Amino acid sequence: MKAFTVGQVARRAGVGVETVRFYERQGLLDEPERKASGYRQYGGGDVAVLRFIRRAKQLGFTLREIKALLALRLDGSATRSDVRAQAAAKLADIGAKIRDLQRMRDALSVLTAACHGDGPATGCPILEALDIPEDDGPGGDDHAPARPRRTER
């Protein structure tokens, strides 16, 4: 087995040295053996795990979710259905985030259209809409678009 230093394994995996150490502390990457000099010695399997983590992060998985995926990867009794369930849950999370972003975009579009952009900030419909107290009662929706008050030009 070829041994790599932390810098070499980081370069091969496309991550930073501190990222490698962070993943070790988080339990995503096993603590490597050390030379007599104290230097960490990583193997090719560590590069593969780091690449796996990097790719999973690019797909939006959290470190907790990645840890679960890594466990499934090593679990001889895990099934594709188990892995698919994890991916489907992430897909649902992403869909919810997209819907939230679309609502925010729509609300900001309404506010931006209500502000003509001339004059002092006092009385700006965007600032006024942001100042409206939140509805703390039942059915209050934090994601509902703010309705700007009509102001005269």
N, C-alpha and C. Protein backbone atom coordinates (compact mmCIF):
# COMPACT_ATOMS: atom_id res chain seq x y z
N MET A 1 0.84 -1.18 0.00
CA MET A 1 0.00 0.00 0.00
C MET A 1 0.88 1.24 0.00
N LYS A 2 0.60 2.14 -0.94
CA LYS A 2 1.35 3.39 -1.01
C LYS A 2 0.81 4.33 0.06
N ALA A 3 1.72 4.96 0.77
CA ALA A 3 1.34 5.89 1.83
C ALA A 3 1.47 7.32 1.32
N PHE A 4 0.52 8.16 1.74
CA PHE A 4 0.50 9.57 1.36
C PHE A 4 0.55 10.43 2.61
N THR A 5 1.15 11.61 2.46
CA THR A 5 1.10 12.60 3.54
C THR A 5 -0.27 13.28 3.49
N VAL A 6 -0.58 14.05 4.50
CA VAL A 6 -1.85 14.76 4.52
C VAL A 6 -1.97 15.70 3.32
N GLY A 7 -0.89 16.36 2.96
CA GLY A 7 -0.91 17.26 1.80
C GLY A 7 -1.16 16.51 0.50
N GLN A 8 -0.51 15.35 0.36
CA GLN A 8 -0.68 14.56 -0.86
C GLN A 8 -2.11 14.02 -0.97
N VAL A 9 -2.64 13.50 0.13
CA VAL A 9 -4.00 12.95 0.08
C VAL A 9 -5.01 14.07 -0.17
N ALA A 10 -4.77 15.24 0.39
CA ALA A 10 -5.67 16.38 0.17
C ALA A 10 -5.65 16.79 -1.31
N ARG A 11 -4.47 16.89 -1.89
CA ARG A 11 -4.37 17.26 -3.31
C ARG A 11 -5.05 16.23 -4.20
N ARG A 12 -4.81 14.96 -3.95
CA ARG A 12 -5.41 13.89 -4.77
C ARG A 12 -6.93 13.89 -4.66
N ALA A 13 -7.45 14.26 -3.50
CA ALA A 13 -8.90 14.25 -3.29
C ALA A 13 -9.56 15.57 -3.68
N GLY A 14 -8.76 16.61 -3.90
CA GLY A 14 -9.31 17.90 -4.27
C GLY A 14 -9.89 18.68 -3.10
N VAL A 15 -9.31 18.48 -1.91
CA VAL A 15 -9.74 19.21 -0.72
C VAL A 15 -8.52 19.83 -0.05
N GLY A 16 -8.76 20.65 0.95
CA GLY A 16 -7.66 21.27 1.68
C GLY A 16 -7.18 20.38 2.83
N VAL A 17 -5.98 20.65 3.28
CA VAL A 17 -5.39 19.90 4.39
C VAL A 17 -6.25 20.01 5.64
N GLU A 18 -6.72 21.21 5.94
CA GLU A 18 -7.55 21.40 7.13
C GLU A 18 -8.88 20.65 6.99
N THR A 19 -9.36 20.52 5.77
CA THR A 19 -10.59 19.76 5.53
C THR A 19 -10.37 18.29 5.89
N VAL A 20 -9.24 17.75 5.52
CA VAL A 20 -8.91 16.36 5.86
C VAL A 20 -8.92 16.19 7.38
N ARG A 21 -8.27 17.08 8.07
CA ARG A 21 -8.22 17.00 9.53
C ARG A 21 -9.60 17.17 10.15
N PHE A 22 -10.39 18.07 9.59
CA PHE A 22 -11.76 18.29 10.08
C PHE A 22 -12.58 17.02 9.92
N TYR A 23 -12.50 16.38 8.77
CA TYR A 23 -13.26 15.14 8.54
C TYR A 23 -12.82 14.03 9.50
N GLU A 24 -11.55 14.02 9.84
CA GLU A 24 -11.07 13.06 10.85
C GLU A 24 -11.74 13.34 12.19
N ARG A 25 -11.74 14.61 12.59
CA ARG A 25 -12.34 14.97 13.89
C ARG A 25 -13.84 14.67 13.91
N GLN A 26 -14.50 14.79 12.75
CA GLN A 26 -15.94 14.54 12.67
C GLN A 26 -16.28 13.05 12.54
N GLY A 27 -15.25 12.22 12.41
CA GLY A 27 -15.48 10.78 12.31
C GLY A 27 -15.85 10.31 10.91
N LEU A 28 -15.67 11.15 9.92
CA LEU A 28 -15.95 10.76 8.54
C LEU A 28 -14.78 10.01 7.92
N LEU A 29 -13.61 10.26 8.41
CA LEU A 29 -12.39 9.65 7.91
C LEU A 29 -11.65 9.04 9.10
N ASP A 30 -11.26 7.79 8.97
CA ASP A 30 -10.55 7.12 10.07
C ASP A 30 -9.22 7.81 10.34
N GLU A 31 -8.87 7.83 11.61
CA GLU A 31 -7.56 8.37 12.00
C GLU A 31 -6.49 7.48 11.36
N PRO A 32 -5.57 8.06 10.60
CA PRO A 32 -4.56 7.24 9.91
C PRO A 32 -3.45 6.78 10.86
N GLU A 33 -2.74 5.78 10.40
CA GLU A 33 -1.56 5.35 11.15
C GLU A 33 -0.52 6.46 11.05
N ARG A 34 0.41 6.43 12.00
CA ARG A 34 1.45 7.46 11.98
C ARG A 34 2.82 6.79 11.89
N LYS A 35 3.72 7.47 11.22
CA LYS A 35 5.12 7.04 11.18
C LYS A 35 5.72 7.27 12.55
N ALA A 36 6.89 6.76 12.77
CA ALA A 36 7.60 6.98 14.03
C ALA A 36 7.82 8.47 14.26
N SER A 37 7.92 9.23 13.18
CA SER A 37 8.14 10.67 13.28
C SER A 37 6.86 11.41 13.67
N GLY A 38 5.72 10.70 13.66
CA GLY A 38 4.46 11.32 14.03
C GLY A 38 3.62 11.77 12.84
N TYR A 39 4.19 11.70 11.63
CA TYR A 39 3.44 12.10 10.44
C TYR A 39 2.34 11.09 10.13
N ARG A 40 1.19 11.61 9.74
CA ARG A 40 0.09 10.74 9.35
C ARG A 40 0.42 10.05 8.02
N GLN A 41 -0.02 8.80 7.89
CA GLN A 41 0.16 8.05 6.65
C GLN A 41 -1.21 7.62 6.15
N TYR A 42 -1.60 8.17 5.00
CA TYR A 42 -2.90 7.87 4.41
C TYR A 42 -2.72 6.90 3.26
N GLY A 43 -3.78 6.16 2.97
CA GLY A 43 -3.76 5.22 1.84
C GLY A 43 -4.71 5.67 0.75
N GLY A 44 -4.72 4.89 -0.33
CA GLY A 44 -5.60 5.19 -1.46
C GLY A 44 -7.07 5.15 -1.07
N GLY A 45 -7.43 4.32 -0.09
CA GLY A 45 -8.81 4.25 0.37
C GLY A 45 -9.25 5.56 1.00
N ASP A 46 -8.31 6.25 1.64
CA ASP A 46 -8.63 7.55 2.24
C ASP A 46 -8.93 8.59 1.17
N VAL A 47 -8.19 8.52 0.06
CA VAL A 47 -8.46 9.42 -1.06
C VAL A 47 -9.87 9.17 -1.59
N ALA A 48 -10.23 7.90 -1.72
CA ALA A 48 -11.57 7.55 -2.22
C ALA A 48 -12.66 8.07 -1.28
N VAL A 49 -12.46 7.94 0.02
CA VAL A 49 -13.45 8.43 0.99
C VAL A 49 -13.57 9.95 0.90
N LEU A 50 -12.45 10.64 0.80
CA LEU A 50 -12.48 12.09 0.70
C LEU A 50 -13.18 12.55 -0.58
N ARG A 51 -12.95 11.85 -1.68
CA ARG A 51 -13.64 12.19 -2.93
C ARG A 51 -15.14 11.94 -2.80
N PHE A 52 -15.50 10.84 -2.15
CA PHE A 52 -16.90 10.51 -1.90
C PHE A 52 -17.56 11.64 -1.11
N ILE A 53 -16.90 12.09 -0.05
CA ILE A 53 -17.44 13.17 0.78
C ILE A 53 -17.60 14.44 -0.04
N ARG A 54 -16.58 14.77 -0.83
CA ARG A 54 -16.62 15.99 -1.65
C ARG A 54 -17.78 15.93 -2.64
N ARG A 55 -17.96 14.80 -3.30
CA ARG A 55 -19.06 14.66 -4.28
C ARG A 55 -20.42 14.71 -3.59
N ALA A 56 -20.53 14.07 -2.42
CA ALA A 56 -21.80 14.09 -1.69
C ALA A 56 -22.13 15.51 -1.25
N LYS A 57 -21.13 16.28 -0.82
CA LYS A 57 -21.36 17.67 -0.44
C LYS A 57 -21.83 18.48 -1.64
N GLN A 58 -21.28 18.21 -2.82
CA GLN A 58 -21.69 18.91 -4.03
C GLN A 58 -23.16 18.64 -4.36
N LEU A 59 -23.67 17.49 -3.93
CA LEU A 59 -25.08 17.16 -4.14
C LEU A 59 -25.97 17.68 -3.02
N GLY A 60 -25.36 18.35 -2.04
CA GLY A 60 -26.15 18.98 -0.99
C GLY A 60 -26.29 18.17 0.29
N PHE A 61 -25.66 17.02 0.38
CA PHE A 61 -25.75 16.22 1.60
C PHE A 61 -24.99 16.91 2.73
N THR A 62 -25.54 16.84 3.93
CA THR A 62 -24.87 17.37 5.12
C THR A 62 -23.83 16.35 5.57
N LEU A 63 -22.96 16.77 6.47
CA LEU A 63 -21.95 15.84 6.98
C LEU A 63 -22.61 14.67 7.71
N ARG A 64 -23.69 14.94 8.43
CA ARG A 64 -24.42 13.86 9.12
C ARG A 64 -24.97 12.85 8.11
N GLU A 65 -25.53 13.38 7.02
CA GLU A 65 -26.07 12.50 5.98
C GLU A 65 -24.97 11.73 5.27
N ILE A 66 -23.83 12.39 5.07
CA ILE A 66 -22.70 11.73 4.43
C ILE A 66 -22.17 10.61 5.31
N LYS A 67 -22.15 10.85 6.60
CA LYS A 67 -21.72 9.81 7.54
C LYS A 67 -22.62 8.58 7.41
N ALA A 68 -23.92 8.82 7.28
CA ALA A 68 -24.87 7.71 7.11
C ALA A 68 -24.63 6.99 5.78
N LEU A 69 -24.35 7.75 4.73
CA LEU A 69 -24.07 7.14 3.43
C LEU A 69 -22.78 6.32 3.47
N LEU A 70 -21.78 6.84 4.14
CA LEU A 70 -20.53 6.09 4.28
C LEU A 70 -20.76 4.79 5.05
N ALA A 71 -21.61 4.86 6.07
CA ALA A 71 -21.92 3.66 6.84
C ALA A 71 -22.64 2.64 5.96
N LEU A 72 -23.56 3.10 5.12
CA LEU A 72 -24.25 2.20 4.20
C LEU A 72 -23.27 1.57 3.22
N ARG A 73 -22.31 2.37 2.79
CA ARG A 73 -21.29 1.90 1.84
C ARG A 73 -20.48 0.74 2.42
N LEU A 74 -20.27 0.77 3.72
CA LEU A 74 -19.47 -0.27 4.37
C LEU A 74 -20.30 -1.41 4.95
N ASP A 75 -21.60 -1.21 5.04
CA ASP A 75 -22.49 -2.20 5.65
C ASP A 75 -22.85 -3.27 4.62
N GLY A 76 -22.38 -4.48 4.86
CA GLY A 76 -22.64 -5.58 3.94
C GLY A 76 -24.11 -5.94 3.83
N SER A 77 -24.92 -5.59 4.82
CA SER A 77 -26.34 -5.91 4.77
C SER A 77 -27.20 -4.77 4.22
N ALA A 78 -26.59 -3.62 3.92
CA ALA A 78 -27.33 -2.48 3.37
C ALA A 78 -27.78 -2.80 1.95
N THR A 79 -28.92 -2.24 1.58
CA THR A 79 -29.46 -2.48 0.25
C THR A 79 -29.49 -1.18 -0.55
N ARG A 80 -29.69 -1.34 -1.83
CA ARG A 80 -29.83 -0.16 -2.68
C ARG A 80 -31.04 0.66 -2.26
N SER A 81 -32.04 -0.03 -1.75
CA SER A 81 -33.24 0.66 -1.27
C SER A 81 -32.88 1.60 -0.12
N ASP A 82 -31.97 1.18 0.75
CA ASP A 82 -31.53 2.03 1.86
C ASP A 82 -30.85 3.30 1.32
N VAL A 83 -29.99 3.11 0.33
CA VAL A 83 -29.27 4.25 -0.26
C VAL A 83 -30.24 5.16 -1.01
N ARG A 84 -31.16 4.55 -1.74
CA ARG A 84 -32.15 5.31 -2.51
C ARG A 84 -33.02 6.14 -1.57
N ALA A 85 -33.37 5.60 -0.43
CA ALA A 85 -34.19 6.33 0.54
C ALA A 85 -33.46 7.58 1.01
N GLN A 86 -32.16 7.47 1.26
CA GLN A 86 -31.36 8.63 1.66
C GLN A 86 -31.36 9.69 0.56
N ALA A 87 -31.17 9.24 -0.69
CA ALA A 87 -31.13 10.18 -1.82
C ALA A 87 -32.50 10.81 -2.03
N ALA A 88 -33.57 10.03 -1.89
CA ALA A 88 -34.92 10.57 -2.07
C ALA A 88 -35.25 11.61 -1.01
N ALA A 89 -34.79 11.38 0.22
CA ALA A 89 -35.01 12.35 1.30
C ALA A 89 -34.28 13.65 0.99
N LYS A 90 -33.07 13.55 0.48
CA LYS A 90 -32.29 14.75 0.11
C LYS A 90 -32.98 15.48 -1.04
N LEU A 91 -33.50 14.73 -1.99
CA LEU A 91 -34.20 15.33 -3.12
C LEU A 91 -35.42 16.11 -2.64
N ALA A 92 -36.15 15.56 -1.68
CA ALA A 92 -37.32 16.25 -1.11
C ALA A 92 -36.87 17.53 -0.40
N ASP A 93 -35.76 17.48 0.34
CA ASP A 93 -35.23 18.67 1.00
C ASP A 93 -34.88 19.75 -0.02
N ILE A 94 -34.24 19.35 -1.10
CA ILE A 94 -33.85 20.30 -2.13
C ILE A 94 -35.10 20.93 -2.76
N GLY A 95 -36.11 20.11 -3.02
CA GLY A 95 -37.37 20.63 -3.57
C GLY A 95 -37.99 21.67 -2.67
N ALA A 96 -38.00 21.41 -1.36
CA ALA A 96 -38.55 22.37 -0.41
C ALA A 96 -37.74 23.67 -0.41
N LYS A 97 -36.43 23.56 -0.50
CA LYS A 97 -35.58 24.76 -0.54
C LYS A 97 -35.85 25.57 -1.81
N ILE A 98 -36.04 24.87 -2.92
CA ILE A 98 -36.33 25.56 -4.18
C ILE A 98 -37.65 26.31 -4.07
N ARG A 99 -38.67 25.66 -3.49
CA ARG A 99 -39.97 26.33 -3.32
C ARG A 99 -39.82 27.56 -2.41
N ASP A 100 -39.04 27.43 -1.33
CA ASP A 100 -38.81 28.57 -0.45
C ASP A 100 -38.11 29.71 -1.20
N LEU A 101 -37.10 29.38 -2.00
CA LEU A 101 -36.39 30.39 -2.77
C LEU A 101 -37.31 31.05 -3.79
N GLN A 102 -38.19 30.29 -4.41
CA GLN A 102 -39.14 30.87 -5.36
C GLN A 102 -40.09 31.83 -4.65
N ARG A 103 -40.56 31.46 -3.45
CA ARG A 103 -41.44 32.36 -2.68
C ARG A 103 -40.68 33.64 -2.31
N MET A 104 -39.43 33.51 -1.90
CA MET A 104 -38.64 34.69 -1.56
C MET A 104 -38.44 35.58 -2.78
N ARG A 105 -38.15 34.95 -3.93
CA ARG A 105 -37.96 35.72 -5.16
C ARG A 105 -39.24 36.47 -5.52
N ASP A 106 -40.38 35.79 -5.43
CA ASP A 106 -41.66 36.42 -5.76
C ASP A 106 -41.95 37.60 -4.83
N ALA A 107 -41.72 37.39 -3.52
CA ALA A 107 -41.97 38.46 -2.56
C ALA A 107 -41.04 39.64 -2.81
N LEU A 108 -39.78 39.38 -3.10
CA LEU A 108 -38.84 40.46 -3.35
C LEU A 108 -39.15 41.16 -4.67
N SER A 109 -39.66 40.44 -5.64
CA SER A 109 -40.06 41.06 -6.91
C SER A 109 -41.20 42.05 -6.68
N VAL A 110 -42.17 41.65 -5.87
CA VAL A 110 -43.30 42.55 -5.55
C VAL A 110 -42.78 43.80 -4.85
N LEU A 111 -41.91 43.60 -3.88
CA LEU A 111 -41.38 44.75 -3.15
C LEU A 111 -40.54 45.66 -4.04
N THR A 112 -39.72 45.07 -4.89
CA THR A 112 -38.87 45.86 -5.77
C THR A 112 -39.72 46.66 -6.76
N ALA A 113 -40.78 46.05 -7.26
CA ALA A 113 -41.68 46.75 -8.20
C ALA A 113 -42.40 47.90 -7.51
N ALA A 114 -42.65 47.80 -6.20
CA ALA A 114 -43.37 48.84 -5.47
C ALA A 114 -42.50 50.06 -5.19
N CYS A 115 -41.20 49.91 -5.28
CA CYS A 115 -40.29 51.02 -5.00
C CYS A 115 -39.82 51.63 -6.31
N HIS A 116 -40.09 52.91 -6.49
CA HIS A 116 -39.69 53.57 -7.74
C HIS A 116 -38.22 53.94 -7.75
N GLY A 117 -37.57 53.91 -6.60
CA GLY A 117 -36.13 54.13 -6.55
C GLY A 117 -35.68 55.57 -6.46
N ASP A 118 -36.61 56.50 -6.40
CA ASP A 118 -36.24 57.92 -6.30
C ASP A 118 -36.55 58.44 -4.91
N GLY A 119 -35.74 59.36 -4.44
CA GLY A 119 -36.01 60.02 -3.18
C GLY A 119 -35.31 59.39 -2.00
N PRO A 120 -35.62 59.92 -0.81
CA PRO A 120 -34.97 59.42 0.40
C PRO A 120 -35.49 58.03 0.77
N ALA A 121 -34.71 57.32 1.58
CA ALA A 121 -35.09 55.97 2.01
C ALA A 121 -36.31 55.99 2.91
N THR A 122 -36.53 57.11 3.61
CA THR A 122 -37.72 57.23 4.46
C THR A 122 -38.96 57.06 3.60
N GLY A 123 -39.84 56.18 4.02
CA GLY A 123 -41.05 55.93 3.25
C GLY A 123 -40.89 54.90 2.14
N CYS A 124 -39.73 54.33 2.02
CA CYS A 124 -39.49 53.31 0.99
C CYS A 124 -40.39 52.10 1.27
N PRO A 125 -41.17 51.65 0.30
CA PRO A 125 -42.07 50.52 0.53
C PRO A 125 -41.34 49.22 0.88
N ILE A 126 -40.11 49.07 0.44
CA ILE A 126 -39.34 47.86 0.79
C ILE A 126 -39.02 47.89 2.28
N LEU A 127 -38.50 49.03 2.76
CA LEU A 127 -38.16 49.14 4.18
C LEU A 127 -39.41 49.05 5.05
N GLU A 128 -40.51 49.66 4.60
CA GLU A 128 -41.75 49.59 5.37
C GLU A 128 -42.27 48.16 5.47
N ALA A 129 -42.18 47.42 4.39
CA ALA A 129 -42.64 46.04 4.40
C ALA A 129 -41.79 45.19 5.35
N LEU A 130 -40.50 45.50 5.44
CA LEU A 130 -39.61 44.76 6.34
C LEU A 130 -39.87 45.13 7.80
N ASP A 131 -40.44 46.32 8.02
CA ASP A 131 -40.75 46.78 9.38
C ASP A 131 -42.08 46.26 9.91
N ILE A 132 -42.92 45.67 9.07
CA ILE A 132 -44.24 45.20 9.50
C ILE A 132 -44.04 44.09 10.54
N PRO A 133 -44.71 44.22 11.71
CA PRO A 133 -44.56 43.18 12.75
C PRO A 133 -45.04 41.83 12.24
N GLU A 134 -44.34 40.77 12.69
CA GLU A 134 -44.73 39.41 12.30
C GLU A 134 -45.99 39.01 13.02
N ASP A 135 -46.77 38.18 12.38
CA ASP A 135 -47.99 37.64 12.98
C ASP A 135 -47.58 36.44 13.83
N ASP A 136 -47.63 36.61 15.15
CA ASP A 136 -47.24 35.53 16.05
C ASP A 136 -48.40 34.60 16.35
N GLY A 137 -49.57 34.90 15.82
CA GLY A 137 -50.75 34.09 16.08
C GLY A 137 -50.75 32.83 15.26
N PRO A 138 -51.77 32.00 15.49
CA PRO A 138 -51.86 30.75 14.73
C PRO A 138 -52.01 31.02 13.24
N GLY A 139 -51.35 30.19 12.47
CA GLY A 139 -51.44 30.33 11.02
C GLY A 139 -50.52 31.38 10.45
N GLY A 140 -49.69 32.02 11.29
CA GLY A 140 -48.75 33.00 10.78
C GLY A 140 -47.75 32.32 9.87
N ASP A 141 -47.41 32.96 8.75
CA ASP A 141 -46.52 32.35 7.78
C ASP A 141 -45.29 33.21 7.60
N ASP A 142 -44.16 32.73 8.07
CA ASP A 142 -42.92 33.49 7.94
C ASP A 142 -42.48 33.64 6.49
N HIS A 143 -43.01 32.77 5.61
CA HIS A 143 -42.56 32.81 4.23
C HIS A 143 -43.54 33.52 3.31
N ALA A 144 -44.61 34.07 3.87
CA ALA A 144 -45.59 34.77 3.04
C ALA A 144 -44.96 36.06 2.53
N PRO A 145 -45.23 36.39 1.26
CA PRO A 145 -44.65 37.62 0.73
C PRO A 145 -45.21 38.83 1.46
N ALA A 146 -44.34 39.75 1.80
CA ALA A 146 -44.77 40.99 2.44
C ALA A 146 -45.48 41.84 1.40
N ARG A 147 -46.54 42.46 1.81
CA ARG A 147 -47.30 43.35 0.92
C ARG A 147 -46.86 44.78 1.20
N PRO A 148 -46.29 45.43 0.21
CA PRO A 148 -45.88 46.83 0.44
C PRO A 148 -47.08 47.73 0.54
N ARG A 149 -46.94 48.77 1.39
CA ARG A 149 -48.00 49.76 1.47
C ARG A 149 -47.87 50.69 0.26
N ARG A 150 -48.98 51.14 -0.19
CA ARG A 150 -48.97 52.08 -1.33
C ARG A 150 -48.46 53.42 -0.80
N THR A 151 -47.53 53.97 -1.52
CA THR A 151 -47.04 55.31 -1.17
C THR A 151 -47.20 56.19 -2.39
N GLU A 152 -47.38 57.46 -2.11
CA GLU A 152 -47.52 58.40 -3.21
C GLU A 152 -46.14 58.84 -3.65
N ARG A 153 -46.04 59.11 -4.91
CA ARG A 153 -44.74 59.53 -5.46
C ARG A 153 -44.47 60.96 -5.22
